[in-house]
Protein backbone atom coordinates (compact mmCIF):
# COMPACT_ATOMS: atom_id res chain seq x y z
CA UNK A 1 178.60 86.84 -90.47
CA UNK A 2 181.64 86.87 -88.08
CA UNK A 3 184.78 85.10 -87.81
CA UNK A 4 187.11 84.19 -85.13
CA UNK A 5 190.68 83.47 -85.64
CA UNK A 6 194.39 83.00 -85.22
CA UNK A 7 197.69 83.48 -87.53
CA UNK A 8 200.48 81.25 -87.16
CA UNK A 9 203.81 83.41 -87.02
CA UNK A 10 204.23 82.02 -90.32
CA UNK A 11 201.81 84.15 -91.82
CA UNK A 12 199.16 80.74 -92.32
CA UNK A 13 195.89 80.86 -89.85
CA UNK A 14 196.51 78.78 -87.22
CA UNK A 15 193.22 76.39 -87.79
CA UNK A 16 189.93 76.81 -89.64
CA UNK A 17 187.69 80.12 -88.78
CA UNK A 18 185.31 80.16 -86.24
CA UNK A 19 181.67 81.51 -86.86
CA UNK A 20 181.08 83.46 -84.03
CA UNK A 21 177.67 85.60 -85.10
CA UNK A 22 175.96 84.89 -88.47
CA UNK A 23 172.74 86.77 -89.70
CA UNK A 24 171.92 86.05 -92.80
CA UNK A 25 169.02 87.23 -94.70
CA UNK A 26 167.43 85.83 -97.81
CA UNK A 27 166.34 82.47 -98.44
CA UNK A 28 168.26 78.65 -97.94
CA UNK A 29 170.11 79.39 -101.18
CA UNK A 30 170.97 82.76 -101.10
CA UNK A 31 172.37 82.68 -97.10
CA UNK A 32 174.44 79.60 -98.35
CA UNK A 33 176.32 81.62 -101.03
CA UNK A 34 176.77 84.33 -98.68
CA UNK A 35 178.10 81.91 -96.31
CA UNK A 36 180.78 80.18 -98.71
CA UNK A 37 181.67 83.71 -99.93
CA UNK A 38 182.63 84.95 -96.88
CA UNK A 39 184.49 82.06 -95.99
CA UNK A 40 186.14 82.22 -99.55
CA UNK A 41 186.73 85.33 -99.00
CA UNK A 42 189.04 84.88 -95.81
CA UNK A 43 190.96 81.76 -96.98
CA UNK A 44 191.89 83.99 -99.98
CA UNK A 45 193.45 86.50 -97.92
CA UNK A 46 196.14 84.03 -96.03
CA UNK A 47 199.32 82.95 -96.43
CA UNK A 48 200.01 86.90 -95.92
CA UNK A 49 203.91 88.37 -95.19
CA UNK A 50 204.74 88.81 -91.19
CA UNK A 51 207.39 90.77 -90.21
CA UNK A 52 209.27 89.26 -87.22
CA UNK A 53 208.20 92.07 -85.07
CA UNK A 54 204.64 90.98 -85.96
CA UNK A 55 205.09 87.73 -86.04
CA UNK A 56 206.17 87.91 -82.32
CA UNK A 57 202.32 89.02 -81.50
CA UNK A 58 200.69 86.80 -83.15
CA UNK A 59 200.48 83.80 -81.08
CA UNK A 60 198.47 84.89 -79.05
CA UNK A 61 196.03 87.47 -80.71
CA UNK A 62 193.02 86.72 -82.05
CA UNK A 63 191.52 88.12 -85.00
CA UNK A 64 187.98 89.10 -85.20
CA UNK A 65 186.92 89.86 -88.44
CA UNK A 66 183.13 90.85 -89.28
CA UNK A 67 181.18 90.97 -92.68
CA UNK A 68 178.66 92.89 -92.63
CA UNK A 69 176.54 93.83 -96.28
CA UNK A 70 174.52 96.81 -95.23
CA UNK A 71 174.19 99.77 -97.35
CA UNK A 72 177.51 102.34 -96.73
CA UNK A 73 177.07 105.17 -94.38
CA UNK A 74 179.97 107.62 -93.68
CA UNK A 75 181.06 105.88 -90.68
CA UNK A 76 180.37 103.04 -89.02
CA UNK A 77 181.53 101.75 -85.75
CA UNK A 78 182.40 98.37 -85.42
CA UNK A 79 183.78 99.16 -81.21
CA UNK A 80 185.70 100.89 -79.60
CA UNK A 81 188.82 100.41 -81.61
CA UNK A 82 187.66 99.43 -84.88
CA UNK A 83 185.94 102.50 -87.78
CA UNK A 84 185.06 102.00 -90.92
CA UNK A 85 184.56 105.14 -92.99
CA UNK A 86 182.94 104.56 -96.18
CA UNK A 87 182.20 107.80 -99.05
CA UNK A 88 179.26 109.20 -98.83
C-alpha cells in the first residue's frame, strides 16, 4: 500500500494522504484491517517537529511512503533513492 502526501512547514499533514497503490491479500476483513492500520500508522506520525531549513522545502516536496508486508531480505531497493536494509 502506498501513500502520497505533503507536510506543512508546521509539521502537520497538508490533508489526508492519497492512496496511490494498493495490493492487499487475504479476505475482505483482513484487507480492511491492513488498510486501516496503515492509515493509522501515518496519522500517528504527525505533527512532526520541523526545523526552519527543513520547513523551507516541505511545501514543495511530496512524500511517498510505501508499506510492504513481505518477509525481510538483506536489502530491498524501493527506488533509485531509497534502499531498506533488514537484518538477515
